[in-house]
Structures are given as structure tokens and as C-alpha cells.
């Protein structure tokens, strides 16, 4: 598992389009977005699974910094997008490894929760998500375009909400999600301690005596 290399972007583009279009999960109108790996690399992270000969087995996008690929997310939330596995990678745990790599990247980038959307008939993917630890969040189900219903899942990466200090669930706390767009965290998501917060003209810093400092600028 690693980030995609520039020469591999075309192969990821072809694989993503082949899986979504070839298996009936996307219309022709959406194919340009499926193929736009360069845009995903620019504002998110594209991870690939390769074999010992660097043959592409699968790919996935994880958006941890907001932007166009982080639909349905707020500050501090990551979004998993466009998980695809080639025929040679199926039955080998490739999809699960890619999803777990997304979780690792989200943790490294300071995210507290990971979200994803999926189509109703992607049942194999749903089993994978639930096996990894995602739970359904029906209140967040949505339609990006009329007639396309997406169901949603989420997985908290820390036990506590950094705004209110209460246990964090996949559904999240609506008021805290809204506050997070404007305010720094108040509590450590790992241990629930009240943090020492400093706000400055370009951002903020918040320090937990046990788990260290977070900052934004």
C-alpha cells in the first residue's frame, strides 16, 4: 500500500472507470470524474495496492483536508471515495487493506472520524466496511443527483467528541459539527481531558497534557 506514482495515474483512471462503468455503478456522464485522478491527487490522497511486480491491484481515494472530494464532511472528518479492486486483486483482502490504509492516513492527518457513501447494491463493499468497523448512518443518506440514492457509513477514530467531550458516534453531534467549522477543539478526543487552547490571528493550537498538541493555521 502506498500513494500513487505519477506514471500510475493513467492505470488508476482506467481501473476506476472499468469497475464503476463496467459493473453498472456509474453513468457515462460521471466517467470524466472517475478518470480525474490528477484532481484527486491535488486535493486528496490516492492510495494504490500493487503486487511484487508493481502491477496495480486496487486503488482508493481518501480526502482528509476538505475540498471537492470530501462530500458530506466537515472539518476534522475524512471521506473514503472510489474504492476499486482489479480482478487480480480480488479474494486476496486487497479492498480491506486499502480501506485500513485510508484509516491510517486519516489518523495521521488528525481526523477524528471517517465517512463514506455507497450505492444500495454494492453489498460486497458494505460487508467489507462493516467488517472494518464502519456503521450505518441513515440520517446522512443522500442523493448527489436525482434518482441516485447513496447510503452512508461512518467510523469514529477517537472515543470522544473534541467539542463537547461526550462519546463520539458515527452519527456525530450536529451542533458540534457546526461549531467545529468555526471554533478550535476543547477536549482531547483520546482521553476527554480539557485542553489548553490558544487562538491567534491565523489559527489555533490546543494541547493535551497526555496526548500532545494539535494546531490549525
Protein backbone atom coordinates (compact mmCIF):
# COMPACT_ATOMS: atom_id res chain seq x y z
CA UNK A 1 0.00 0.00 0.00
CA UNK A 2 1.37 3.40 -0.96
CA UNK A 3 0.47 6.65 -2.67
CA UNK A 4 0.00 6.52 -6.41
CA UNK A 5 3.02 7.48 -8.52
CA UNK A 6 2.59 9.90 -11.45
CA UNK A 7 3.17 7.21 -14.12
CA UNK A 8 0.44 5.06 -12.50
CA UNK A 9 -2.32 7.65 -12.69
CA UNK A 10 -3.49 6.51 -16.11
CA UNK A 11 -3.81 2.92 -14.90
CA UNK A 12 -5.81 4.04 -11.85
CA UNK A 13 -8.03 6.10 -14.15
CA UNK A 14 -8.70 3.11 -16.40
CA UNK A 15 -9.34 0.74 -13.47
CA UNK A 16 -11.74 3.12 -11.74
CA UNK A 17 -13.75 3.70 -14.89
CA UNK A 18 -13.73 -0.01 -15.76
CA UNK A 19 -15.08 -1.06 -12.36
CA UNK A 20 -17.74 1.64 -11.98
CA UNK A 21 -18.87 1.68 -15.60
CA UNK A 22 -18.28 -1.99 -16.38
CA UNK A 23 -20.16 -3.22 -13.31
CA UNK A 24 -23.06 -0.82 -13.75
CA UNK A 25 -22.35 1.58 -10.87
CA UNK A 26 -21.99 4.76 -12.90
CA UNK A 27 -23.37 6.54 -15.93
CA UNK A 28 -21.32 7.82 -18.83
CA UNK A 29 -21.87 11.37 -17.56
CA UNK A 30 -19.82 10.64 -14.43
CA UNK A 31 -16.95 8.90 -16.22
CA UNK A 32 -14.82 12.06 -16.50
CA UNK A 33 -14.87 12.38 -12.70
CA UNK A 34 -13.99 8.71 -12.30
CA UNK A 35 -10.98 9.25 -14.54
CA UNK A 36 -9.85 12.52 -12.97
CA UNK A 37 -7.07 11.05 -10.84
CA UNK A 38 -4.98 14.22 -11.14
CA UNK A 39 -7.69 16.24 -9.38
CA UNK A 40 -7.93 13.70 -6.58
CA UNK A 41 -4.16 13.73 -6.11
CA UNK A 42 -4.19 17.53 -5.95
CA UNK A 43 -6.71 17.87 -3.10
CA UNK A 44 -6.81 14.41 -1.52
CA UNK A 45 -4.68 11.25 -1.34
CA UNK A 46 -4.87 8.40 -3.85
CA UNK A 47 -3.59 5.11 -2.47
CA UNK A 48 -2.81 2.02 -4.51
CA UNK A 49 -2.24 -1.65 -3.83
CA UNK A 50 0.39 -3.26 -6.03
CA UNK A 51 1.95 -6.70 -6.22
CA UNK A 52 5.66 -7.52 -6.09
CA UNK A 53 5.98 -6.53 -9.76
CA UNK A 54 4.17 -3.20 -9.19
CA UNK A 55 1.09 -4.42 -11.08
CA UNK A 56 -1.97 -2.47 -9.95
CA UNK A 57 -4.35 -4.50 -7.76
CA UNK A 58 -6.59 -1.71 -6.47
CA UNK A 59 -6.95 1.95 -5.65
CA UNK A 60 -8.87 4.28 -3.36
CA UNK A 61 -9.08 7.99 -2.58
CA UNK A 62 -9.17 9.44 0.94
CA UNK A 63 -9.90 13.13 1.41
CA UNK A 64 -8.66 14.42 4.77
CA UNK A 65 -8.35 18.15 4.12
CA UNK A 66 -11.79 19.08 2.81
CA UNK A 67 -12.21 20.09 -0.81
CA UNK A 68 -14.30 18.76 -3.66
CA UNK A 69 -13.70 15.08 -2.85
CA UNK A 70 -14.80 15.41 0.79
CA UNK A 71 -18.54 15.45 0.19
CA UNK A 72 -20.74 15.27 3.31
CA UNK A 73 -17.78 16.00 5.60
CA UNK A 74 -16.93 18.86 7.94
CA UNK A 75 -13.63 19.97 9.47
CA UNK A 76 -11.75 17.04 11.00
CA UNK A 77 -13.65 14.39 9.03
CA UNK A 78 -12.16 12.26 6.26
CA UNK A 79 -14.05 10.75 3.32
CA UNK A 80 -13.22 7.50 1.51
CA UNK A 81 -14.00 7.60 -2.21
CA UNK A 82 -13.85 5.37 -5.28
CA UNK A 83 -12.58 2.09 -3.83
CA UNK A 84 -11.83 -0.26 -6.74
CA UNK A 85 -10.14 -3.65 -6.91
CA UNK A 86 -8.84 -5.27 -10.09
CA UNK A 87 -9.74 -8.87 -10.94
CA UNK A 88 -6.21 -9.96 -9.95
CA UNK A 89 -6.65 -8.40 -6.50
CA UNK A 90 -10.00 -9.92 -5.58
CA UNK A 91 -10.19 -12.64 -2.98
CA UNK A 92 -6.85 -11.51 -1.52
CA UNK A 93 -8.03 -8.93 1.02
CA UNK A 94 -6.98 -6.05 -1.23
CA UNK A 95 -10.09 -3.96 -0.59
CA UNK A 96 -9.82 -4.28 3.17
CA UNK A 97 -6.13 -3.36 3.14
CA UNK A 98 -6.91 -0.25 1.10
CA UNK A 99 -9.68 0.83 3.48
CA UNK A 100 -7.43 0.29 6.51
CA UNK A 101 -4.72 2.32 4.78
CA UNK A 102 -7.28 5.14 4.45
CA UNK A 103 -7.95 4.97 8.19
CA UNK A 104 -4.23 5.16 8.89
CA UNK A 105 -3.89 8.22 6.66
CA UNK A 106 -6.89 9.89 8.29
CA UNK A 107 -5.39 9.34 11.75
CA UNK A 108 -2.02 10.67 10.62
CA UNK A 109 -3.74 13.80 9.28
CA UNK A 110 -5.52 14.44 12.57
CA UNK A 111 -9.04 13.41 11.56
CA UNK A 112 -11.42 12.19 14.24
CA UNK A 113 -13.98 10.43 12.02
CA UNK A 114 -14.14 8.82 8.57
CA UNK A 115 -17.23 8.87 6.35
CA UNK A 116 -18.17 7.17 3.09
CA UNK A 117 -21.15 6.86 0.76
CA UNK A 118 -22.13 3.75 -1.16
CA UNK A 119 -24.79 2.61 -3.59
CA UNK A 120 -27.55 0.30 -2.37
CA UNK A 121 -26.45 -2.65 -4.49
CA UNK A 122 -22.76 -2.58 -3.52
CA UNK A 123 -23.40 -5.31 -0.98
CA UNK A 124 -19.90 -6.83 -1.05
CA UNK A 125 -18.45 -3.42 -0.23
CA UNK A 126 -20.95 -2.99 2.61
CA UNK A 127 -19.79 -6.25 4.20
CA UNK A 128 -16.19 -5.05 3.94
CA UNK A 129 -16.98 -1.69 5.57
CA UNK A 130 -18.84 -3.34 8.43
CA UNK A 131 -16.02 -5.83 8.95
CA UNK A 132 -13.54 -2.96 9.31
CA UNK A 133 -15.80 -1.24 11.86
CA UNK A 134 -17.98 1.22 9.93
CA UNK A 135 -21.61 1.55 10.98
CA UNK A 136 -24.61 2.81 9.04
CA UNK A 137 -25.61 6.45 9.41
CA UNK A 138 -29.09 6.59 7.84
CA UNK A 139 -29.64 10.22 8.80
CA UNK A 140 -26.85 11.18 6.38
CA UNK A 141 -28.14 9.20 3.37
CA UNK A 142 -28.40 11.45 0.33
CA UNK A 143 -28.85 11.84 -3.42
CA UNK A 144 -25.99 13.57 -5.27
CA UNK A 145 -28.22 13.64 -8.36
CA UNK A 146 -31.93 12.86 -8.69
CA UNK A 147 -32.56 9.13 -8.75
CA UNK A 148 -29.17 8.07 -7.30
CA UNK A 149 -29.64 7.09 -3.66
CA UNK A 150 -26.49 6.74 -1.58
CA UNK A 151 -26.36 5.14 1.83
CA UNK A 152 -23.71 6.27 4.30
CA UNK A 153 -21.35 4.80 6.85
CA UNK A 154 -19.02 6.31 9.43
CA UNK A 155 -16.23 5.19 11.74
CA UNK A 156 -15.01 7.32 14.68
CA UNK A 157 -11.22 7.26 15.08
CA UNK A 158 -11.28 8.61 18.65
CA UNK A 159 -13.66 7.77 21.51
CA UNK A 160 -14.71 11.31 22.43
CA UNK A 161 -16.01 14.42 20.68
CA UNK A 162 -13.42 17.20 20.75
CA UNK A 163 -16.11 19.87 21.12
CA UNK A 164 -18.33 18.60 23.94
CA UNK A 165 -16.29 15.74 25.43
CA UNK A 166 -19.14 13.24 25.08
CA UNK A 167 -18.69 9.81 23.44
CA UNK A 168 -18.35 10.13 19.67
CA UNK A 169 -20.59 8.01 17.46
CA UNK A 170 -20.78 7.59 13.73
CA UNK A 171 -23.84 9.82 13.57
CA UNK A 172 -21.81 12.57 15.24
CA UNK A 173 -23.25 15.59 17.04
CA UNK A 174 -24.91 18.10 14.72
CA UNK A 175 -24.21 21.10 16.93
CA UNK A 176 -20.60 20.06 17.41
CA UNK A 177 -20.11 19.51 13.69
CA UNK A 178 -21.33 23.04 13.04
CA UNK A 179 -19.19 24.50 15.85
CA UNK A 180 -16.08 22.74 14.55
CA UNK A 181 -16.20 24.84 11.40
CA UNK A 182 -15.66 27.99 13.46
CA UNK A 183 -14.08 27.02 16.78
CA UNK A 184 -10.99 25.14 17.97
CA UNK A 185 -11.36 21.83 19.83
CA UNK A 186 -11.98 21.98 23.58
CA UNK A 187 -11.44 18.38 24.65
CA UNK A 188 -8.90 15.68 23.81
CA UNK A 189 -10.60 13.07 21.66
CA UNK A 190 -8.39 10.36 23.13
CA UNK A 191 -8.78 10.93 26.87
CA UNK A 192 -11.55 13.56 27.26
CA UNK A 193 -9.27 15.98 29.11
CA UNK A 194 -9.97 19.67 28.76
CA UNK A 195 -7.22 21.08 26.52
CA UNK A 196 -5.27 24.30 26.80
CA UNK A 197 -6.42 26.32 23.78
CA UNK A 198 -4.75 29.35 22.25
CA UNK A 199 -6.33 31.30 19.40
CA UNK A 200 -4.14 33.51 17.22
CA UNK A 201 -4.81 35.61 14.11
CA UNK A 202 -4.09 32.80 11.66
CA UNK A 203 -5.47 29.78 13.53
CA UNK A 204 -5.30 27.98 16.87
CA UNK A 205 -3.39 25.45 18.94
CA UNK A 206 -4.82 23.03 21.51
CA UNK A 207 -2.67 21.00 23.89
CA UNK A 208 -3.49 17.90 25.94
CA UNK A 209 -1.05 17.16 28.77
CA UNK A 210 -1.03 13.47 27.80
CA UNK A 211 -1.57 13.36 24.03
CA UNK A 212 0.24 16.46 22.83
CA UNK A 213 -0.72 19.38 20.66
CA UNK A 214 -3.00 19.94 17.67
CA UNK A 215 -2.97 23.09 15.60
CA UNK A 216 -4.53 24.73 12.59
CA UNK A 217 -3.48 27.78 10.61
